[in-house]
Structures are given as structure tokens and as C-alpha cells.
C-alpha atoms as a PDB file:
ATOM      1  CA  MET A   1    -220.108  75.666  64.520  1.00  0.00           C
ATOM      2  CA  LYS A   2    -220.074  72.979  67.136  1.00  0.00           C
ATOM      3  CA  ARG A   3    -217.073  71.158  68.478  1.00  0.00           C
ATOM      4  CA  GLN A   4    -218.905  67.808  68.344  1.00  0.00           C
ATOM      5  CA  ILE A   5    -217.394  66.663  65.046  1.00  0.00           C
ATOM      6  CA  VAL A   6    -213.856  66.889  66.468  1.00  0.00           C
ATOM      7  CA  ASP A   7    -214.802  64.778  69.487  1.00  0.00           C
ATOM      8  CA  LEU A   8    -216.340  62.182  67.175  1.00  0.00           C
ATOM      9  CA  ILE A   9    -213.186  62.060  65.032  1.00  0.00           C
ATOM     10  CA  ILE A  10    -210.990  61.632  68.127  1.00  0.00           C
ATOM     11  CA  GLU A  11    -213.135  58.746  69.351  1.00  0.00           C
ATOM     12  CA  ARG A  12    -213.091  57.096  65.929  1.00  0.00           C
ATOM     13  CA  ILE A  13    -209.283  57.321  65.678  1.00  0.00           C
ATOM     14  CA  LYS A  14    -209.010  55.745  69.107  1.00  0.00           C
ATOM     15  CA  SER A  15    -211.313  52.860  68.137  1.00  0.00           C
ATOM     16  CA  GLU A  16    -209.517  52.362  64.786  1.00  0.00           C
ATOM     17  CA  LEU A  17    -206.003  52.230  66.245  1.00  0.00           C
ATOM     18  CA  GLU A  18    -206.227  50.935  69.825  1.00  0.00           C
ATOM     19  CA  SER A  19    -205.994  47.288  68.703  1.00  0.00           C
ATOM     20  CA  GLU A  20    -202.748  47.851  66.781  1.00  0.00           C
ATOM     21  CA  LYS A  21    -200.244  45.426  68.344  1.00  0.00           C
ATOM     22  CA  ASP A  22    -197.242  47.744  67.838  1.00  0.00           C
ATOM     23  CA  LEU A  23    -198.952  50.799  69.378  1.00  0.00           C
ATOM     24  CA  VAL A  24    -197.097  52.239  72.391  1.00  0.00           C
ATOM     25  CA  SER A  25    -198.918  55.576  72.670  1.00  0.00           C
ATOM     26  CA  LEU A  26    -201.724  57.449  70.905  1.00  0.00           C
ATOM     27  CA  THR A  27    -201.956  61.032  72.156  1.00  0.00           C
ATOM     28  CA  PRO A  28    -203.908  64.041  70.838  1.00  0.00           C
ATOM     29  CA  VAL A  29    -201.794  67.197  71.215  1.00  0.00           C
ATOM     30  CA  GLY A  30    -202.312  70.870  70.472  1.00  0.00           C
ATOM     31  CA  SER A  31    -205.277  73.184  70.831  1.00  0.00           C
ATOM     32  CA  PHE A  32    -207.991  70.543  70.310  1.00  0.00           C
ATOM     33  CA  ALA A  33    -206.892  68.678  73.417  1.00  0.00           C
ATOM     34  CA  ASP A  34    -208.753  71.562  75.105  1.00  0.00           C
ATOM     35  CA  LYS A  35    -212.435  70.538  75.184  1.00  0.00           C
ATOM     36  CA  SER A  36    -213.574  74.168  74.909  1.00  0.00           C
ATOM     37  CA  LYS A  37    -211.819  74.742  71.578  1.00  0.00           C
ATOM     38  CA  GLU A  38    -214.279  75.472  68.762  1.00  0.00           C
ATOM     39  CA  LEU A  39    -213.826  75.104  65.013  1.00  0.00           C
ATOM     40  CA  GLU A  40    -212.208  77.842  62.923  1.00  0.00           C
ATOM     41  CA  LYS A  41    -211.843  78.109  59.139  1.00  0.00           C
ATOM     42  CA  PHE A  42    -208.756  75.851  59.396  1.00  0.00           C
ATOM     43  CA  ASN A  43    -208.288  73.306  62.195  1.00  0.00           C
ATOM     44  CA  ASP A  44    -205.166  71.208  62.773  1.00  0.00           C
ATOM     45  CA  LEU A  45    -206.022  68.031  64.713  1.00  0.00           C
ATOM     46  CA  ASP A  46    -202.694  66.487  65.804  1.00  0.00           C
ATOM     47  CA  PHE A  47    -202.099  62.930  67.011  1.00  0.00           C
ATOM     48  CA  VAL A  48    -198.709  61.673  68.215  1.00  0.00           C
ATOM     49  CA  ILE A  49    -198.438  57.960  67.469  1.00  0.00           C
ATOM     50  CA  ILE A  50    -195.519  56.023  68.981  1.00  0.00           C
ATOM     51  CA  LEU A  51    -195.017  52.511  67.595  1.00  0.00           C
ATOM     52  CA  LYS A  52    -192.637  49.734  68.609  1.00  0.00           C
ATOM     53  CA  LYS A  53    -191.664  49.742  64.953  1.00  0.00           C
ATOM     54  CA  VAL A  54    -193.046  51.406  61.836  1.00  0.00           C
ATOM     55  CA  THR A  55    -194.168  48.824  59.300  1.00  0.00           C
ATOM     56  CA  LYS A  56    -195.959  48.781  55.973  1.00  0.00           C
ATOM     57  CA  ASN A  57    -199.024  47.302  57.689  1.00  0.00           C
ATOM     58  CA  ASN A  58    -199.388  49.796  60.547  1.00  0.00           C
ATOM     59  CA  LEU A  59    -198.689  52.773  58.251  1.00  0.00           C
ATOM     60  CA  SER A  60    -201.391  51.514  55.898  1.00  0.00           C
ATOM     61  CA  LYS A  61    -203.802  51.121  58.812  1.00  0.00           C
ATOM     62  CA  ILE A  62    -203.195  54.679  60.032  1.00  0.00           C
ATOM     63  CA  ARG A  63    -203.499  56.242  56.579  1.00  0.00           C
ATOM     64  CA  LYS A  64    -206.618  54.216  55.849  1.00  0.00           C
ATOM     65  CA  ALA A  65    -208.161  55.607  59.044  1.00  0.00           C
ATOM     66  CA  GLY A  66    -207.638  59.124  57.668  1.00  0.00           C
ATOM     67  CA  LYS A  67    -209.379  58.254  54.391  1.00  0.00           C
ATOM     68  CA  THR A  68    -212.255  56.554  56.227  1.00  0.00           C
ATOM     69  CA  LEU A  69    -212.811  59.621  58.385  1.00  0.00           C
ATOM     70  CA  ARG A  70    -212.888  61.833  55.305  1.00  0.00           C
ATOM     71  CA  THR A  71    -215.629  59.681  53.784  1.00  0.00           C
ATOM     72  CA  GLU A  72    -217.605  59.612  57.020  1.00  0.00           C
ATOM     73  CA  PHE A  73    -217.384  63.208  58.232  1.00  0.00           C
ATOM     74  CA  GLU A  74    -216.889  65.408  55.169  1.00  0.00           C
ATOM     75  CA  SER A  75    -219.872  67.574  54.238  1.00  0.00           C
ATOM     76  CA  ASN A  76    -220.729  70.589  52.108  1.00  0.00           C
ATOM     77  CA  GLU A  77    -219.418  72.826  54.895  1.00  0.00           C
ATOM     78  CA  ILE A  78    -216.517  70.788  56.301  1.00  0.00           C
ATOM     79  CA  GLY A  79    -213.608  69.284  54.383  1.00  0.00           C
ATOM     80  CA  ILE A  80    -211.359  66.613  55.933  1.00  0.00           C
ATOM     81  CA  THR A  81    -207.691  66.284  54.957  1.00  0.00           C
ATOM     82  CA  SER A  82    -205.033  64.043  56.497  1.00  0.00           C
ATOM     83  CA  THR A  83    -201.261  63.749  56.427  1.00  0.00           C
ATOM     84  CA  SER A  84    -198.516  61.718  58.077  1.00  0.00           C
ATOM     85  CA  GLY A  85    -195.738  64.174  57.252  1.00  0.00           C
ATOM     86  CA  ILE A  86    -193.762  65.564  60.186  1.00  0.00           C
ATOM     87  CA  GLY A  87    -193.378  69.334  59.926  1.00  0.00           C
ATOM     88  CA  PRO A  88    -195.421  72.581  59.973  1.00  0.00           C
ATOM     89  CA  ILE A  89    -197.834  71.371  57.270  1.00  0.00           C
ATOM     90  CA  LYS A  90    -201.217  72.859  56.324  1.00  0.00           C
ATOM     91  CA  LEU A  91    -203.394  70.861  53.890  1.00  0.00           C
ATOM     92  CA  LYS A  92    -206.545  72.820  53.231  1.00  0.00           C
ATOM     93  CA  SER A  93    -209.696  71.650  51.504  1.00  0.00           C
ATOM     94  CA  ARG A  94    -211.975  73.535  49.124  1.00  0.00           C
ATOM     95  CA  LYS A  95    -214.739  73.643  51.737  1.00  0.00           C
ATOM     96  CA  PRO A  96    -215.549  76.658  53.968  1.00  0.00           C
ATOM     97  CA  VAL A  97    -214.006  74.826  56.952  1.00  0.00           C
ATOM     98  CA  THR A  98    -211.095  72.363  56.968  1.00  0.00           C
ATOM     99  CA  ILE A  99    -210.125  69.815  59.612  1.00  0.00           C
ATOM    100  CA  MET A 100    -206.639  68.491  58.900  1.00  0.00           C
ATOM    101  CA  ILE A 101    -205.938  65.234  60.726  1.00  0.00           C
ATOM    102  CA  HIS A 102    -202.192  65.207  61.334  1.00  0.00           C
ATOM    103  CA  PHE A 103    -200.686  61.824  62.234  1.00  0.00           C
ATOM    104  CA  LEU A 104    -197.209  62.325  63.761  1.00  0.00           C
ATOM    105  CA  ILE A 105    -195.788  58.803  63.594  1.00  0.00           C
ATOM    106  CA  TYR A 106    -192.548  57.726  65.307  1.00  0.00           C
ATOM    107  CA  PRO A 107    -190.811  54.441  66.087  1.00  0.00           C
ATOM    108  CA  LEU A 108    -190.191  54.237  69.827  1.00  0.00           C
ATOM    109  CA  ASP A 109    -186.404  54.278  69.484  1.00  0.00           C
ATOM    110  CA  LYS A 110    -186.396  57.333  67.165  1.00  0.00           C
ATOM    111  CA  TYR A 111    -188.862  59.694  68.865  1.00  0.00           C
ATOM    112  CA  SER A 112    -186.067  61.676  70.545  1.00  0.00           C
ATOM    113  CA  GLU A 113    -184.151  61.862  67.261  1.00  0.00           C
ATOM    114  CA  TYR A 114    -186.963  63.076  65.014  1.00  0.00           C
ATOM    115  CA  GLU A 115    -188.504  65.582  67.451  1.00  0.00           C
ATOM    116  CA  SER A 116    -186.671  68.359  69.254  1.00  0.00           C
ATOM    117  CA  VAL A 117    -186.510  68.912  73.000  1.00  0.00           C
ATOM    118  CA  LEU A 118    -188.827  71.909  72.500  1.00  0.00           C
ATOM    119  CA  THR A 119    -191.534  69.845  70.830  1.00  0.00           C
ATOM    120  CA  ARG A 120    -191.234  66.858  73.143  1.00  0.00           C
ATOM    121  CA  TYR A 121    -191.474  69.213  76.113  1.00  0.00           C
ATOM    122  CA  SER A 122    -194.691  70.735  74.753  1.00  0.00           C
ATOM    123  CA  PHE A 123    -196.152  67.282  73.988  1.00  0.00           C
ATOM    124  CA  GLN A 124    -195.421  65.662  77.338  1.00  0.00           C
ATOM    125  CA  SER A 125    -198.254  67.356  79.264  1.00  0.00           C
ATOM    126  CA  TYR A 126    -201.047  65.850  77.126  1.00  0.00           C
ATOM    127  CA  CYS A 127    -203.031  62.788  78.190  1.00  0.00           C
ATOM    128  CA  PRO A 128    -202.862  59.667  75.999  1.00  0.00           C
ATOM    129  CA  LEU A 129    -205.950  58.064  74.504  1.00  0.00           C
ATOM    130  CA  VAL A 130    -204.172  54.712  74.464  1.00  0.00           C
ATOM    131  CA  GLY A 131    -200.933  53.466  76.029  1.00  0.00           C
ATOM    132  CA  LYS A 132    -198.110  55.347  77.719  1.00  0.00           C
ATOM    133  CA  SER A 133    -197.956  59.079  78.272  1.00  0.00           C
ATOM    134  CA  LEU A 134    -195.373  60.925  76.188  1.00  0.00           C
ATOM    135  CA  LYS A 135    -193.747  62.036  79.436  1.00  0.00           C
ATOM    136  CA  GLU A 136    -193.080  58.380  80.278  1.00  0.00           C
ATOM    137  CA  ILE A 137    -191.458  57.908  76.890  1.00  0.00           C
ATOM    138  CA  SER A 138    -189.350  61.094  76.934  1.00  0.00           C
ATOM    139  CA  CYS A 139    -189.328  63.260  80.052  1.00  0.00           C
ATOM    140  CA  ILE A 140    -187.875  66.774  79.638  1.00  0.00           C
ATOM    141  CA  GLN A 141    -187.280  68.554  82.934  1.00  0.00           C
ATOM    142  CA  GLU A 142    -186.681  72.072  81.602  1.00  0.00           C
ATOM    143  CA  ILE A 143    -185.971  74.152  78.519  1.00  0.00           C
ATOM    144  CA  LYS A 144    -182.487  75.668  78.150  1.00  0.00           C
ATOM    145  CA  LYS A 145    -181.191  78.422  75.864  1.00  0.00           C
ATOM    146  CA  ASP A 146    -179.322  75.968  73.639  1.00  0.00           C
ATOM    147  CA  ASP A 147    -182.595  74.132  72.959  1.00  0.00           C
ATOM    148  CA  LEU A 148    -183.900  77.199  71.116  1.00  0.00           C
ATOM    149  CA  PHE A 149    -181.063  76.845  68.594  1.00  0.00           C
ATOM    150  CA  ASN A 150    -181.752  73.265  67.512  1.00  0.00           C
ATOM    151  CA  GLU A 151    -181.793  72.510  63.782  1.00  0.00           C
ATOM    152  CA  ILE A 152    -185.235  70.833  63.738  1.00  0.00           C
ATOM    153  CA  ASP A 153    -187.531  73.640  64.905  1.00  0.00           C
ATOM    154  CA  GLY A 154    -185.269  76.154  66.645  1.00  0.00           C
ATOM    155  CA  ILE A 155    -184.258  79.614  65.411  1.00  0.00           C
ATOM    156  CA  PRO A 156    -181.848  78.324  62.689  1.00  0.00           C
ATOM    157  CA  ALA A 157    -184.585  76.107  61.230  1.00  0.00           C
ATOM    158  CA  MET A 158    -187.171  78.914  61.320  1.00  0.00           C
ATOM    159  CA  LYS A 159    -184.828  81.362  59.574  1.00  0.00           C
ATOM    160  CA  LYS A 160    -184.183  78.745  56.896  1.00  0.00           C
ATOM    161  CA  TRP A 161    -187.938  78.167  56.355  1.00  0.00           C
ATOM    162  CA  ILE A 162    -188.550  81.883  55.909  1.00  0.00           C
ATOM    163  CA  THR A 163    -185.479  82.591  53.741  1.00  0.00           C
ATOM    164  CA  ASN A 164    -186.096  79.653  51.395  1.00  0.00           C
ATOM    165  CA  ALA A 165    -189.920  79.788  51.467  1.00  0.00           C
ATOM    166  CA  ALA A 166    -189.760  76.022  51.877  1.00  0.00           C
ATOM    167  CA  ILE A 167    -189.850  73.361  54.567  1.00  0.00           C
ATOM    168  CA  ASP A 168    -188.390  69.863  54.757  1.00  0.00           C
ATOM    169  CA  CYS A 169    -190.981  67.379  56.026  1.00  0.00           C
ATOM    170  CA  LEU A 170    -190.316  63.817  57.136  1.00  0.00           C
ATOM    171  CA  GLU A 171    -192.626  61.259  55.565  1.00  0.00           C
ATOM    172  CA  PRO A 172    -192.583  57.873  57.332  1.00  0.00           C
ATOM    173  CA  ASN A 173    -191.903  54.844  55.216  1.00  0.00           C
ATOM    174  CA  GLU A 174    -191.285  51.270  56.258  1.00  0.00           C
ATOM    175  CA  GLY A 175    -188.038  51.324  58.254  1.00  0.00           C
ATOM    176  CA  GLN A 176    -187.071  54.859  57.183  1.00  0.00           C
ATOM    177  CA  TYR A 177    -188.199  58.463  56.718  1.00  0.00           C
ATOM    178  CA  ASN A 178    -188.139  60.259  53.382  1.00  0.00           C
ATOM    179  CA  VAL A 179    -187.345  63.988  53.336  1.00  0.00           C
ATOM    180  CA  ILE A 180    -189.935  65.883  51.282  1.00  0.00           C
ATOM    181  CA  ASN A 181    -189.100  69.470  50.351  1.00  0.00           C
ATOM    182  CA  THR A 182    -192.285  71.539  50.176  1.00  0.00           C
ATOM    183  CA  ILE A 183    -192.374  74.984  48.576  1.00  0.00           C
ATOM    184  CA  LEU A 184    -194.442  77.487  50.569  1.00  0.00           C
ATOM    185  CA  LYS A 185    -196.801  79.912  48.857  1.00  0.00           C
ATOM    186  CA  ASN A 186    -199.338  82.511  49.913  1.00  0.00           C
ATOM    187  CA  GLU A 187    -201.273  81.383  53.006  1.00  0.00           C
ATOM    188  CA  SER A 188    -199.057  78.368  53.731  1.00  0.00           C
ATOM    189  CA  TYR A 189    -195.970  80.630  53.684  1.00  0.00           C
ATOM    190  CA  ALA A 190    -197.719  83.151  55.943  1.00  0.00           C
ATOM    191  CA  GLU A 191    -198.747  80.364  58.336  1.00  0.00           C
ATOM    192  CA  VAL A 192    -195.127  79.201  58.703  1.00  0.00           C
ATOM    193  CA  MET A 193    -193.869  82.725  59.390  1.00  0.00           C
ATOM    194  CA  ILE A 194    -196.648  83.286  61.913  1.00  0.00           C
ATOM    195  CA  TYR A 195    -195.904  79.952  63.586  1.00  0.00           C
ATOM    196  CA  SER A 196    -192.199  80.832  63.841  1.00  0.00           C
ATOM    197  CA  VAL A 197    -192.807  84.154  65.604  1.00  0.00           C
ATOM    198  CA  LEU A 198    -195.410  82.826  68.028  1.00  0.00           C
ATOM    199  CA  ARG A 199    -193.560  79.611  68.844  1.00  0.00           C
ATOM    200  CA  ILE A 200    -190.199  81.252  69.539  1.00  0.00           C
ATOM    201  CA  ALA A 201    -191.918  83.832  71.781  1.00  0.00           C
ATOM    202  CA  SER A 202    -193.642  81.053  73.725  1.00  0.00           C
ATOM    203  CA  ASN A 203    -190.371  79.113  74.034  1.00  0.00           C
ATOM    204  CA  MET A 204    -188.513  82.186  75.305  1.00  0.00           C
ATOM    205  CA  LEU A 205    -191.093  82.586  78.059  1.00  0.00           C
ATOM    206  CA  ARG A 206    -190.465  78.981  79.082  1.00  0.00           C
ATOM    207  CA  LEU A 207    -186.885  79.986  79.863  1.00  0.00           C
ATOM    208  CA  LYS A 208    -188.428  82.233  82.531  1.00  0.00           C
ATOM    209  CA  GLY A 209    -190.655  79.471  83.907  1.00  0.00           C
ATOM    210  CA  LYS A 210    -193.815  80.738  82.179  1.00  0.00           C
ATOM    211  CA  PHE A 211    -195.651  77.952  80.360  1.00  0.00           C
ATOM    212  CA  LEU A 212    -198.140  79.501  77.958  1.00  0.00           C
ATOM    213  CA  GLY A 213    -199.392  78.452  74.536  1.00  0.00           C
ATOM    214  CA  ILE A 214    -199.499  80.740  71.520  1.00  0.00           C
ATOM    215  CA  ASP A 215    -202.480  82.854  72.505  1.00  0.00           C
ATOM    216  CA  ARG A 216    -203.104  86.476  73.508  1.00  0.00           C
ATOM    217  CA  ASP A 217    -202.034  85.894  77.129  1.00  0.00           C
ATOM    218  CA  MET A 218    -198.668  84.622  75.897  1.00  0.00           C
ATOM    219  CA  CYS A 219    -198.179  87.645  73.636  1.00  0.00           C
ATOM    220  CA  ASN A 220    -198.933  90.090  76.448  1.00  0.00           C
ATOM    221  CA  GLU A 221    -196.640  88.190  78.804  1.00  0.00           C
ATOM    222  CA  PHE A 222    -193.860  88.337  76.217  1.00  0.00           C
ATOM    223  CA  ILE A 223    -194.152  92.142  76.083  1.00  0.00           C
ATOM    224  CA  LYS A 224    -193.811  92.288  79.899  1.00  0.00           C
ATOM    225  CA  ASN A 225    -190.773  90.006  80.009  1.00  0.00           C
ATOM    226  CA  TYR A 226    -188.741  91.032  76.945  1.00  0.00           C
ATOM    227  CA  SER A 227    -188.081  94.702  76.207  1.00  0.00           C
ATOM    228  CA  PHE A 228    -186.943  95.394  72.651  1.00  0.00           C
ATOM    229  CA  SER A 229    -188.325  97.268  69.649  1.00  0.00           C
ATOM    230  CA  LEU A 230    -190.223  94.298  68.155  1.00  0.00           C
ATOM    231  CA  ASN A 231    -191.564  92.785  71.368  1.00  0.00           C
ATOM    232  CA  ASN A 232    -195.158  93.564  70.318  1.00  0.00           C
ATOM    233  CA  LEU A 233    -194.839  91.639  67.030  1.00  0.00           C
ATOM    234  CA  PRO A 234    -196.229  88.345  68.431  1.00  0.00           C
ATOM    235  CA  LEU A 235    -199.478  90.143  69.352  1.00  0.00           C
ATOM    236  CA  LYS A 236    -199.680  91.761  65.906  1.00  0.00           C
ATOM    237  CA  ILE A 237    -198.937  88.377  64.283  1.00  0.00           C
ATOM    238  CA  LEU A 238    -201.573  86.603  66.383  1.00  0.00           C
ATOM    239  CA  GLU A 239    -204.218  89.065  65.198  1.00  0.00           C
ATOM    240  CA  MET A 240    -203.104  88.429  61.608  1.00  0.00           C
ATOM    241  CA  LYS A 241    -203.360  84.672  62.172  1.00  0.00           C
ATOM    242  CA  GLU A 242    -206.914  85.048  63.462  1.00  0.00           C
ATOM    243  CA  ARG A 243    -207.869  87.032  60.345  1.00  0.00           C
ATOM    244  CA  ILE A 244    -206.277  84.475  58.000  1.00  0.00           C
ATOM    245  CA  ARG A 245    -208.016  81.606  59.778  1.00  0.00           C
ATOM    246  CA  GLN A 246    -211.323  83.391  59.183  1.00  0.00           C
ATOM    247  CA  GLY A 247    -210.620  83.668  55.459  1.00  0.00           C
ATOM    248  CA  ASP A 248    -208.849  87.043  55.107  1.00  0.00           C
ATOM    249  CA  LYS A 249    -206.356  86.751  52.214  1.00  0.00           C
ATOM    250  CA  ASN A 250    -204.775  90.187  52.772  1.00  0.00           C
ATOM    251  CA  ILE A 251    -201.354  89.129  54.059  1.00  0.00           C
ATOM    252  CA  SER A 252    -199.056  91.987  55.066  1.00  0.00           C
ATOM    253  CA  PRO A 253    -196.189  92.493  52.555  1.00  0.00           C
ATOM    254  CA  ASP A 254    -193.958  93.289  55.559  1.00  0.00           C
ATOM    255  CA  LEU A 255    -194.518  89.880  57.186  1.00  0.00           C
ATOM    256  CA  LYS A 256    -191.299  88.291  55.884  1.00  0.00           C
ATOM    257  CA  ASN A 257    -189.021  91.164  56.937  1.00  0.00           C
ATOM    258  CA  GLU A 258    -190.741  91.577  60.300  1.00  0.00           C
ATOM    259  CA  SER A 259    -190.540  87.850  61.054  1.00  0.00           C
ATOM    260  CA  MET A 260    -186.855  87.619  60.153  1.00  0.00           C
ATOM    261  CA  ASN A 261    -186.014  90.767  62.137  1.00  0.00           C
ATOM    262  CA  PHE A 262    -187.896  89.391  65.129  1.00  0.00           C
ATOM    263  CA  LEU A 263    -186.021  86.070  65.012  1.00  0.00           C
ATOM    264  CA  GLU A 264    -182.689  87.889  64.738  1.00  0.00           C
ATOM    265  CA  GLU A 265    -183.546  90.142  67.693  1.00  0.00           C
ATOM    266  CA  CYS A 266    -184.492  87.078  69.761  1.00  0.00           C
ATOM    267  CA  GLU A 267    -181.281  85.363  68.702  1.00  0.00           C
ATOM    268  CA  ASN A 268    -179.238  88.381  69.848  1.00  0.00           C
ATOM    269  CA  LEU A 269    -181.044  88.474  73.200  1.00  0.00           C
ATOM    270  CA  LEU A 270    -180.371  84.804  73.826  1.00  0.00           C
ATOM    271  CA  LYS A 271    -176.686  84.803  72.896  1.00  0.00           C
END
């Protein structure tokens, strides 16, 4: 399945939002910033949107853009979903393939409060479609051990997600953010556990000056750099993720225990 539909959606979002007077930065982040990335069964298309201030009008404009894109690009094969919640969210459609448009919306003065150093560091290398680069807005020079223990998306947060089978998402509202507690089930729960293992492994490599995503190269590099009994779990988890994204519903019953044990081993190594 061709990548063309993603490129068309990106261009449409740019044209819909570039005239917004409060827009400071519109930046696509994540795997689809890579032009060679092809569609899978589930595809998360992330946009970081920095605004001078978050208002009823600009929120409505952004959310309306998501609905318009669904009408325009949805087909028998491809379903379009959209969300403005901040967190590890997966909103699937009933179609064979889903593209979830994820609007990550922040007021300029709160970007550093609502996103961790880890996330802002990973975002700052992407090129904006409109406005300032995220590096201009919040420049992170390096990742430190303490950063991996933040309460937003560090090890304590990941352990909480897995233990409670739930995540707290921030939903932007005019002048504030509402906390939405979302219960995780089946594939969405598996996705969060998989994300936790792969992301913490990638972040630990950054402590050693190795800047890799959450792919096979990262997993192999993790095995070379960290020697402990579960150091091959990221590779095993990545293979599971690939199967789930292709529609396999056979999730390992050991995933929860393995994920928690892995996080605890990483925590012990870092302390």
C-alpha cells in the first residue's frame, strides 16, 4: 500500500492550519517524518502544534481539520481517526488499515511543563512544516539518568501504566487541560507495554551517545551495550509489535510480567 495518502494528509494539515494567527510551530514527528515509511495495519501520524495560546477557536479549527480529513481520505480499506489527547493513545478504526492523526497541542509557555525532557529531546530533530523548529522553542543538550525517572513518561510512569492497565491523557481545553483516565484492554494494553520496553531501551542508549529510534538496529545495539538477563527483550517485543500491527491478536500472556521485570532491571542498572 502506497505512502501517498500520508503525504497528502500532511500537506492538507499544513494548508488548513498555516494561516492560524496563534500558530508558533507545526511539526510532524515520529516514523512518518521519514519519507520511506510505508503504511502498516495501524499508523500513528503525529503533529506537534505549538500555539501562543490555546483558545476555543483554534482548538475547534484543529479538530475540524481531523474530521475533514476523515471525510476526504477514508475508504473501504483505510479508516481515519483523530485525537488531540496527549499520551500513548491508539484509536483504531474498523477498516483493514487505520491512520490515526494525533494532534499534540501545547501553549507556548507550557510545552516544557506538559512534555518531558525525553520527549522534547526526541522531537527537536524534526523539521517544522510551519513556524519555528521545536529545537528553537526548547533545546535539550543531552539526556541524563535522572531524566529517565520523570513522572510523565519515565520508568515510574511506565510501571504505573502497566500495573494499573490505564493511562492518564491530557485533553486540551480552552485555558486548561483535562486529565482523562483511559482503561487499557487487549491490543491497546499490549501496545503500551511494548512502547514502554522499546522506549526505555532507546533512551538508555542515548545515555551512551547512541541516538536510535525503536527499530531492530536499536534492539541489537541495546544487547551490545547492556548485559543482563533480559537484554534481548526489546528485540522479542519489537517482533511482537510487528505481528500485532499486521493483525495478529495472539498476545503473549507473559508480556506484562516480562515488561515489568525489564523495567525493574533497567531501573536497577541506572541507580
